[in-house]
Amino acid sequence: MLKLIQQEVYKLVQKRSTTIGLGLLAAVMAFFAAITKIYPNLLDAQGQFEGLYSAGIFLVFMLIAATSNITMMEFQSGMIRPLLYRKYSRTQVLISKWLVILGYSIILYVVSFIWSLILKLVLFNGTFALTSTLLTHLVQNLVAQWLTTWLLLSVVFLMTNAFKSSAVAVSVGIIGYFVTNVMATLLALFIARWSWLRFNPLNMMTLPMQLAGGLSEKMTQLSNTGLIIGNLVYIAIFLYLGLVLFKRRAV
């Protein structure tokens, strides 16, 4: 299975979209940092730093696209048959893809964190201090964003195998991201009326907002620990369902 992982890593690294995406990510973050520096009354320097200079949405789009592509690649190219004719099972093939996207997502978030630190030190060194409290808060939010992003990615893995279309999977992932951010308050109203709705996956994706103080436990009716557990449970469920569909796909 190590060979499968190496092959997936090689294909991901060789794709031009990977290199271009990393370049655009760095450029987007630098752009928002520069705008914050030029117009300090328009954007808050510390707030932008805590938000990774607006990298969050770009990271989600990059990972959704990579997840959809890596799942469909062998089926679209016709290479799935010779791959399965070797000693590898479908389970091993898909797990190798999960692990590669897992590693890729960790790298992207770590790189974004390091780049945001560099931008802060270069452009805002005297604007606000890097206190231990600030860094702890930033890391907590970063981990929460990564976890909820993986909830989206698990749905993308599932949708790609369910509809055999990367376009549908990407659309579902992007819509899910925006719905959660735009309708969080409305969702809280429904949860207040029907408390059992607090266990739906969209509520689990409000974890970063709850940690940041945008939502309270009273609104989500779940503690931070409850939201973390809920994310992990749904990720496991969606990945398993995606695996079931992947094993049944015709080649």
C-alpha atoms as a PDB file:
ATOM      1  CA  MET A   1       0.000   0.000   0.000  1.00  0.00           C
ATOM      2  CA  LEU A   2       2.999   2.268   0.498  1.00  0.00           C
ATOM      3  CA  LYS A   3       3.555   2.059  -3.249  1.00  0.00           C
ATOM      4  CA  LEU A   4      -0.004   3.282  -3.849  1.00  0.00           C
ATOM      5  CA  ILE A   5       0.552   6.246  -1.541  1.00  0.00           C
ATOM      6  CA  GLN A   6       3.807   7.110  -3.307  1.00  0.00           C
ATOM      7  CA  GLN A   7       2.036   6.998  -6.669  1.00  0.00           C
ATOM      8  CA  GLU A   8      -0.772   9.268  -5.446  1.00  0.00           C
ATOM      9  CA  VAL A   9       1.731  11.729  -3.989  1.00  0.00           C
ATOM     10  CA  TYR A  10       3.668  11.767  -7.257  1.00  0.00           C
ATOM     11  CA  LYS A  11       0.516  12.452  -9.288  1.00  0.00           C
ATOM     12  CA  LEU A  12      -0.544  15.238  -6.927  1.00  0.00           C
ATOM     13  CA  VAL A  13       2.874  16.899  -6.976  1.00  0.00           C
ATOM     14  CA  GLN A  14       3.151  16.643 -10.762  1.00  0.00           C
ATOM     15  CA  LYS A  15      -0.182  18.359 -11.380  1.00  0.00           C
ATOM     16  CA  ARG A  16       0.236  21.977 -12.438  1.00  0.00           C
ATOM     17  CA  SER A  17      -2.849  22.924 -10.447  1.00  0.00           C
ATOM     18  CA  THR A  18      -1.026  21.972  -7.231  1.00  0.00           C
ATOM     19  CA  THR A  19       1.855  24.357  -7.881  1.00  0.00           C
ATOM     20  CA  ILE A  20      -0.420  27.088  -9.222  1.00  0.00           C
ATOM     21  CA  GLY A  21      -2.756  26.689  -6.260  1.00  0.00           C
ATOM     22  CA  LEU A  22       0.068  27.104  -3.737  1.00  0.00           C
ATOM     23  CA  GLY A  23       1.291  30.190  -5.576  1.00  0.00           C
ATOM     24  CA  LEU A  24      -2.190  31.701  -5.647  1.00  0.00           C
ATOM     25  CA  LEU A  25      -2.688  30.902  -1.966  1.00  0.00           C
ATOM     26  CA  ALA A  26       0.484  32.785  -1.043  1.00  0.00           C
ATOM     27  CA  ALA A  27      -0.490  35.661  -3.347  1.00  0.00           C
ATOM     28  CA  VAL A  28      -4.018  35.946  -1.927  1.00  0.00           C
ATOM     29  CA  MET A  29      -2.704  36.057   1.629  1.00  0.00           C
ATOM     30  CA  ALA A  30      -0.050  38.626   0.704  1.00  0.00           C
ATOM     31  CA  PHE A  31      -2.681  40.732  -1.082  1.00  0.00           C
ATOM     32  CA  PHE A  32      -4.987  40.905   1.927  1.00  0.00           C
ATOM     33  CA  ALA A  33      -2.027  41.583   4.217  1.00  0.00           C
ATOM     34  CA  ALA A  34      -0.961  44.462   1.956  1.00  0.00           C
ATOM     35  CA  ILE A  35      -4.496  45.875   1.805  1.00  0.00           C
ATOM     36  CA  THR A  36      -4.666  45.711   5.598  1.00  0.00           C
ATOM     37  CA  LYS A  37      -1.344  47.549   5.821  1.00  0.00           C
ATOM     38  CA  ILE A  38      -2.410  50.254   3.359  1.00  0.00           C
ATOM     39  CA  TYR A  39      -5.932  50.689   4.748  1.00  0.00           C
ATOM     40  CA  PRO A  40      -5.699  50.027   8.511  1.00  0.00           C
ATOM     41  CA  ASN A  41      -9.096  51.639   9.088  1.00  0.00           C
ATOM     42  CA  LEU A  42     -10.730  49.255   6.626  1.00  0.00           C
ATOM     43  CA  LEU A  43      -9.362  45.950   7.898  1.00  0.00           C
ATOM     44  CA  ASP A  44      -8.188  45.003  11.380  1.00  0.00           C
ATOM     45  CA  ALA A  45      -4.587  43.773  11.378  1.00  0.00           C
ATOM     46  CA  GLN A  46      -4.993  41.304  14.228  1.00  0.00           C
ATOM     47  CA  GLY A  47      -8.320  40.058  12.899  1.00  0.00           C
ATOM     48  CA  GLN A  48      -6.803  39.416   9.481  1.00  0.00           C
ATOM     49  CA  PHE A  49      -3.887  37.579  11.076  1.00  0.00           C
ATOM     50  CA  GLU A  50      -6.246  35.378  13.077  1.00  0.00           C
ATOM     51  CA  GLY A  51      -8.144  34.682   9.845  1.00  0.00           C
ATOM     52  CA  LEU A  52      -4.923  33.729   8.023  1.00  0.00           C
ATOM     53  CA  TYR A  53      -5.367  36.759   5.771  1.00  0.00           C
ATOM     54  CA  SER A  54      -8.522  35.325   4.184  1.00  0.00           C
ATOM     55  CA  ALA A  55      -6.842  32.042   3.261  1.00  0.00           C
ATOM     56  CA  GLY A  56      -9.651  29.895   4.695  1.00  0.00           C
ATOM     57  CA  ILE A  57     -12.010  29.872   1.730  1.00  0.00           C
ATOM     58  CA  PHE A  58      -9.131  29.391  -0.722  1.00  0.00           C
ATOM     59  CA  LEU A  59      -7.858  26.406   1.257  1.00  0.00           C
ATOM     60  CA  VAL A  60     -11.313  24.833   1.182  1.00  0.00           C
ATOM     61  CA  PHE A  61     -11.623  25.274  -2.596  1.00  0.00           C
ATOM     62  CA  MET A  62      -8.151  23.826  -3.213  1.00  0.00           C
ATOM     63  CA  LEU A  63      -8.823  20.760  -1.093  1.00  0.00           C
ATOM     64  CA  ILE A  64     -12.291  20.152  -2.524  1.00  0.00           C
ATOM     65  CA  ALA A  65     -10.887  20.260  -6.066  1.00  0.00           C
ATOM     66  CA  ALA A  66      -7.965  17.982  -5.161  1.00  0.00           C
ATOM     67  CA  THR A  67     -10.250  15.480  -3.405  1.00  0.00           C
ATOM     68  CA  SER A  68     -12.663  15.283  -6.317  1.00  0.00           C
ATOM     69  CA  ASN A  69      -9.854  14.943  -8.829  1.00  0.00           C
ATOM     70  CA  ILE A  70      -7.918  12.281  -6.950  1.00  0.00           C
ATOM     71  CA  THR A  71     -11.046  10.138  -6.591  1.00  0.00           C
ATOM     72  CA  MET A  72     -12.033  10.311 -10.269  1.00  0.00           C
ATOM     73  CA  MET A  73      -8.570  10.209 -11.838  1.00  0.00           C
ATOM     74  CA  GLU A  74      -8.183   6.471 -12.448  1.00  0.00           C
ATOM     75  CA  PHE A  75     -11.778   6.022 -13.626  1.00  0.00           C
ATOM     76  CA  GLN A  76     -11.509   8.883 -16.115  1.00  0.00           C
ATOM     77  CA  SER A  77      -8.154   7.711 -17.458  1.00  0.00           C
ATOM     78  CA  GLY A  78      -9.115   4.025 -17.524  1.00  0.00           C
ATOM     79  CA  MET A  79      -6.181   3.109 -15.268  1.00  0.00           C
ATOM     80  CA  ILE A  80      -8.378   1.634 -12.544  1.00  0.00           C
ATOM     81  CA  ARG A  81      -8.496  -1.802 -14.216  1.00  0.00           C
ATOM     82  CA  PRO A  82      -4.740  -2.448 -14.400  1.00  0.00           C
ATOM     83  CA  LEU A  83      -4.447  -1.058 -10.874  1.00  0.00           C
ATOM     84  CA  LEU A  84      -6.996  -3.543  -9.537  1.00  0.00           C
ATOM     85  CA  TYR A  85      -5.490  -6.407 -11.536  1.00  0.00           C
ATOM     86  CA  ARG A  86      -2.391  -6.056  -9.403  1.00  0.00           C
ATOM     87  CA  LYS A  87      -2.284  -7.057  -5.736  1.00  0.00           C
ATOM     88  CA  TYR A  88      -4.250  -4.004  -4.571  1.00  0.00           C
ATOM     89  CA  SER A  89      -7.856  -4.064  -3.418  1.00  0.00           C
ATOM     90  CA  ARG A  90     -10.332  -1.228  -3.923  1.00  0.00           C
ATOM     91  CA  THR A  91     -10.199  -0.537  -0.201  1.00  0.00           C
ATOM     92  CA  GLN A  92      -6.436  -0.045  -0.372  1.00  0.00           C
ATOM     93  CA  VAL A  93      -6.763   2.207  -3.414  1.00  0.00           C
ATOM     94  CA  LEU A  94      -9.267   4.519  -1.734  1.00  0.00           C
ATOM     95  CA  ILE A  95      -7.510   4.553   1.642  1.00  0.00           C
ATOM     96  CA  SER A  96      -4.303   5.614  -0.101  1.00  0.00           C
ATOM     97  CA  LYS A  97      -6.221   8.554  -1.565  1.00  0.00           C
ATOM     98  CA  TRP A  98      -7.613   9.459   1.857  1.00  0.00           C
ATOM     99  CA  LEU A  99      -4.125   9.454   3.358  1.00  0.00           C
ATOM    100  CA  VAL A 100      -2.658  11.594   0.585  1.00  0.00           C
ATOM    101  CA  ILE A 101      -5.418  14.198   0.917  1.00  0.00           C
ATOM    102  CA  LEU A 102      -4.987  14.042   4.700  1.00  0.00           C
ATOM    103  CA  GLY A 103      -1.291  14.826   4.360  1.00  0.00           C
ATOM    104  CA  TYR A 104      -1.947  17.472   1.710  1.00  0.00           C
ATOM    105  CA  SER A 105      -4.520  19.220   3.909  1.00  0.00           C
ATOM    106  CA  ILE A 106      -2.163  19.274   6.898  1.00  0.00           C
ATOM    107  CA  ILE A 107       0.641  20.694   4.756  1.00  0.00           C
ATOM    108  CA  LEU A 108      -1.610  23.420   3.324  1.00  0.00           C
ATOM    109  CA  TYR A 109      -2.809  24.556   6.732  1.00  0.00           C
ATOM    110  CA  VAL A 110       0.689  24.473   8.237  1.00  0.00           C
ATOM    111  CA  VAL A 111       2.124  26.410   5.275  1.00  0.00           C
ATOM    112  CA  SER A 112      -0.683  28.974   5.588  1.00  0.00           C
ATOM    113  CA  PHE A 113       0.059  29.350   9.290  1.00  0.00           C
ATOM    114  CA  ILE A 114       3.794  29.846   8.697  1.00  0.00           C
ATOM    115  CA  TRP A 115       3.191  32.288   5.828  1.00  0.00           C
ATOM    116  CA  SER A 116       0.771  34.301   7.970  1.00  0.00           C
ATOM    117  CA  LEU A 117       3.454  34.525  10.677  1.00  0.00           C
ATOM    118  CA  ILE A 118       5.971  35.783   8.117  1.00  0.00           C
ATOM    119  CA  LEU A 119       3.519  38.382   6.792  1.00  0.00           C
ATOM    120  CA  LYS A 120       2.768  39.506  10.332  1.00  0.00           C
ATOM    121  CA  LEU A 121       6.449  39.903  11.233  1.00  0.00           C
ATOM    122  CA  VAL A 122       7.253  41.747   8.003  1.00  0.00           C
ATOM    123  CA  LEU A 123       4.233  44.068   7.789  1.00  0.00           C
ATOM    124  CA  PHE A 124       2.766  44.294  11.288  1.00  0.00           C
ATOM    125  CA  ASN A 125       5.644  43.674  13.658  1.00  0.00           C
ATOM    126  CA  GLY A 126       4.872  46.767  15.714  1.00  0.00           C
ATOM    127  CA  THR A 127       1.090  46.731  15.299  1.00  0.00           C
ATOM    128  CA  PHE A 128       0.172  43.961  17.740  1.00  0.00           C
ATOM    129  CA  ALA A 129       2.083  41.460  19.858  1.00  0.00           C
ATOM    130  CA  LEU A 130       2.285  37.724  19.265  1.00  0.00           C
ATOM    131  CA  THR A 131       1.181  36.713  22.729  1.00  0.00           C
ATOM    132  CA  SER A 132       0.828  33.100  23.815  1.00  0.00           C
ATOM    133  CA  THR A 133      -2.923  33.665  24.171  1.00  0.00           C
ATOM    134  CA  LEU A 134      -3.195  34.928  20.592  1.00  0.00           C
ATOM    135  CA  LEU A 135      -1.162  32.040  19.189  1.00  0.00           C
ATOM    136  CA  THR A 136      -3.153  29.489  21.195  1.00  0.00           C
ATOM    137  CA  HIS A 137      -6.412  30.982  19.939  1.00  0.00           C
ATOM    138  CA  LEU A 138      -5.106  30.968  16.358  1.00  0.00           C
ATOM    139  CA  VAL A 139      -3.978  27.337  16.509  1.00  0.00           C
ATOM    140  CA  GLN A 140      -7.304  26.254  18.033  1.00  0.00           C
ATOM    141  CA  ASN A 141      -9.246  27.988  15.275  1.00  0.00           C
ATOM    142  CA  LEU A 142      -6.907  26.558  12.655  1.00  0.00           C
ATOM    143  CA  VAL A 143      -7.444  22.999  13.887  1.00  0.00           C
ATOM    144  CA  ALA A 144     -11.208  23.595  14.038  1.00  0.00           C
ATOM    145  CA  GLN A 145     -11.242  24.889  10.456  1.00  0.00           C
ATOM    146  CA  TRP A 146      -9.165  21.913   9.318  1.00  0.00           C
ATOM    147  CA  LEU A 147     -11.525  19.475  11.038  1.00  0.00           C
ATOM    148  CA  THR A 148     -14.671  21.009   9.541  1.00  0.00           C
ATOM    149  CA  THR A 149     -12.966  21.160   6.154  1.00  0.00           C
ATOM    150  CA  TRP A 150     -12.449  17.421   6.445  1.00  0.00           C
ATOM    151  CA  LEU A 151     -16.144  16.992   7.102  1.00  0.00           C
ATOM    152  CA  LEU A 152     -16.716  18.678   3.736  1.00  0.00           C
ATOM    153  CA  LEU A 153     -14.025  16.550   2.088  1.00  0.00           C
ATOM    154  CA  SER A 154     -15.608  13.341   3.377  1.00  0.00           C
ATOM    155  CA  VAL A 155     -18.857  14.447   1.712  1.00  0.00           C
ATOM    156  CA  VAL A 156     -16.934  15.179  -1.501  1.00  0.00           C
ATOM    157  CA  PHE A 157     -15.431  11.665  -1.419  1.00  0.00           C
ATOM    158  CA  LEU A 158     -18.961  10.300  -0.995  1.00  0.00           C
ATOM    159  CA  MET A 159     -20.581  12.466  -3.693  1.00  0.00           C
ATOM    160  CA  THR A 160     -17.843  11.757  -6.228  1.00  0.00           C
ATOM    161  CA  ASN A 161     -18.521   8.039  -5.934  1.00  0.00           C
ATOM    162  CA  ALA A 162     -22.297   8.434  -5.714  1.00  0.00           C
ATOM    163  CA  PHE A 163     -22.706  10.585  -8.831  1.00  0.00           C
ATOM    164  CA  LYS A 164     -19.495   9.586 -10.633  1.00  0.00           C
ATOM    165  CA  SER A 165     -19.013  13.278 -11.359  1.00  0.00           C
ATOM    166  CA  SER A 166     -16.374  15.597  -9.975  1.00  0.00           C
ATOM    167  CA  ALA A 167     -18.487  18.638 -10.885  1.00  0.00           C
ATOM    168  CA  VAL A 168     -21.370  17.513  -8.665  1.00  0.00           C
ATOM    169  CA  ALA A 169     -19.026  16.726  -5.782  1.00  0.00           C
ATOM    170  CA  VAL A 170     -17.259  20.085  -6.027  1.00  0.00           C
ATOM    171  CA  SER A 171     -20.592  21.907  -6.188  1.00  0.00           C
ATOM    172  CA  VAL A 172     -21.915  20.104  -3.112  1.00  0.00           C
ATOM    173  CA  GLY A 173     -18.739  20.885  -1.184  1.00  0.00           C
ATOM    174  CA  ILE A 174     -18.733  24.578  -2.070  1.00  0.00           C
ATOM    175  CA  ILE A 175     -22.466  24.990  -1.431  1.00  0.00           C
ATOM    176  CA  GLY A 176     -22.112  23.249   1.924  1.00  0.00           C
ATOM    177  CA  TYR A 177     -19.325  25.637   2.902  1.00  0.00           C
ATOM    178  CA  PHE A 178     -21.308  28.752   2.048  1.00  0.00           C
ATOM    179  CA  VAL A 179     -24.571  27.481   3.520  1.00  0.00           C
ATOM    180  CA  THR A 180     -22.887  26.849   6.858  1.00  0.00           C
ATOM    181  CA  ASN A 181     -21.320  30.308   6.991  1.00  0.00           C
ATOM    182  CA  VAL A 182     -24.333  32.234   5.709  1.00  0.00           C
ATOM    183  CA  MET A 183     -27.130  30.375   7.493  1.00  0.00           C
ATOM    184  CA  ALA A 184     -25.504  29.650  10.862  1.00  0.00           C
ATOM    185  CA  THR A 185     -27.836  32.028  12.713  1.00  0.00           C
ATOM    186  CA  LEU A 186     -30.906  30.679  10.904  1.00  0.00           C
ATOM    187  CA  LEU A 187     -29.806  27.141  11.732  1.00  0.00           C
ATOM    188  CA  ALA A 188     -29.595  28.141  15.397  1.00  0.00           C
ATOM    189  CA  LEU A 189     -33.231  29.279  15.269  1.00  0.00           C
ATOM    190  CA  PHE A 190     -34.320  25.883  13.933  1.00  0.00           C
ATOM    191  CA  ILE A 191     -32.266  24.122  16.602  1.00  0.00           C
ATOM    192  CA  ALA A 192     -33.909  26.249  19.289  1.00  0.00           C
ATOM    193  CA  ARG A 193     -37.289  24.999  18.048  1.00  0.00           C
ATOM    194  CA  TRP A 194     -36.328  21.373  17.378  1.00  0.00           C
ATOM    195  CA  SER A 195     -33.397  20.441  19.611  1.00  0.00           C
ATOM    196  CA  TRP A 196     -32.720  17.153  17.801  1.00  0.00           C
ATOM    197  CA  LEU A 197     -31.483  19.206  14.825  1.00  0.00           C
ATOM    198  CA  ARG A 198     -28.344  19.995  16.805  1.00  0.00           C
ATOM    199  CA  PHE A 199     -26.990  16.646  15.665  1.00  0.00           C
ATOM    200  CA  ASN A 200     -27.120  17.486  11.943  1.00  0.00           C
ATOM    201  CA  PRO A 201     -23.763  17.782  10.111  1.00  0.00           C
ATOM    202  CA  LEU A 202     -24.226  21.466   9.251  1.00  0.00           C
ATOM    203  CA  ASN A 203     -24.299  22.267  12.955  1.00  0.00           C
ATOM    204  CA  MET A 204     -21.009  20.397  13.397  1.00  0.00           C
ATOM    205  CA  MET A 205     -19.410  22.727  10.874  1.00  0.00           C
ATOM    206  CA  THR A 206     -20.082  25.736  13.106  1.00  0.00           C
ATOM    207  CA  LEU A 207     -17.212  24.655  15.385  1.00  0.00           C
ATOM    208  CA  PRO A 208     -14.807  27.423  14.206  1.00  0.00           C
ATOM    209  CA  MET A 209     -17.483  30.081  14.687  1.00  0.00           C
ATOM    210  CA  GLN A 210     -18.274  28.828  18.179  1.00  0.00           C
ATOM    211  CA  LEU A 211     -14.590  28.826  19.146  1.00  0.00           C
ATOM    212  CA  ALA A 212     -14.204  32.341  17.739  1.00  0.00           C
ATOM    213  CA  GLY A 213     -17.192  33.561  19.749  1.00  0.00           C
ATOM    214  CA  GLY A 214     -19.498  34.145  16.796  1.00  0.00           C
ATOM    215  CA  LEU A 215     -21.868  31.481  18.098  1.00  0.00           C
ATOM    216  CA  SER A 216     -22.531  30.278  21.625  1.00  0.00           C
ATOM    217  CA  GLU A 217     -23.192  26.823  23.030  1.00  0.00           C
ATOM    218  CA  LYS A 218     -26.726  28.032  23.701  1.00  0.00           C
ATOM    219  CA  MET A 219     -27.235  28.506  19.953  1.00  0.00           C
ATOM    220  CA  THR A 220     -25.684  25.225  18.792  1.00  0.00           C
ATOM    221  CA  GLN A 221     -26.818  23.321  21.911  1.00  0.00           C
ATOM    222  CA  LEU A 222     -23.523  21.430  21.816  1.00  0.00           C
ATOM    223  CA  SER A 223     -20.248  22.026  23.628  1.00  0.00           C
ATOM    224  CA  ASN A 224     -16.975  22.400  21.747  1.00  0.00           C
ATOM    225  CA  THR A 225     -16.168  18.806  22.647  1.00  0.00           C
ATOM    226  CA  GLY A 226     -19.568  17.703  21.359  1.00  0.00           C
ATOM    227  CA  LEU A 227     -18.992  19.462  18.045  1.00  0.00           C
ATOM    228  CA  ILE A 228     -15.537  17.892  17.705  1.00  0.00           C
ATOM    229  CA  ILE A 229     -16.910  14.409  18.362  1.00  0.00           C
ATOM    230  CA  GLY A 230     -19.777  15.065  15.953  1.00  0.00           C
ATOM    231  CA  ASN A 231     -17.349  16.077  13.217  1.00  0.00           C
ATOM    232  CA  LEU A 232     -15.273  12.936  13.719  1.00  0.00           C
ATOM    233  CA  VAL A 233     -18.347  10.696  13.700  1.00  0.00           C
ATOM    234  CA  TYR A 234     -19.763  12.213  10.509  1.00  0.00           C
ATOM    235  CA  ILE A 235     -16.365  12.101   8.800  1.00  0.00           C
ATOM    236  CA  ALA A 236     -16.122   8.382   9.587  1.00  0.00           C
ATOM    237  CA  ILE A 237     -19.685   7.761   8.359  1.00  0.00           C
ATOM    238  CA  PHE A 238     -19.271   9.633   5.068  1.00  0.00           C
ATOM    239  CA  LEU A 239     -15.880   8.077   4.344  1.00  0.00           C
ATOM    240  CA  TYR A 240     -17.295   4.608   5.006  1.00  0.00           C
ATOM    241  CA  LEU A 241     -20.290   5.225   2.726  1.00  0.00           C
ATOM    242  CA  GLY A 242     -17.921   6.530   0.062  1.00  0.00           C
ATOM    243  CA  LEU A 243     -15.853   3.364   0.407  1.00  0.00           C
ATOM    244  CA  VAL A 244     -18.955   1.186   0.006  1.00  0.00           C
ATOM    245  CA  LEU A 245     -19.878   3.003  -3.224  1.00  0.00           C
ATOM    246  CA  PHE A 246     -16.284   2.941  -4.473  1.00  0.00           C
ATOM    247  CA  LYS A 247     -16.144  -0.837  -4.048  1.00  0.00           C
ATOM    248  CA  ARG A 248     -19.371  -1.216  -6.054  1.00  0.00           C
ATOM    249  CA  ARG A 249     -18.441   1.052  -8.950  1.00  0.00           C
ATOM    250  CA  ALA A 250     -18.264  -0.582 -12.343  1.00  0.00           C
ATOM    251  CA  VAL A 251     -14.934  -0.463 -14.130  1.00  0.00           C
END
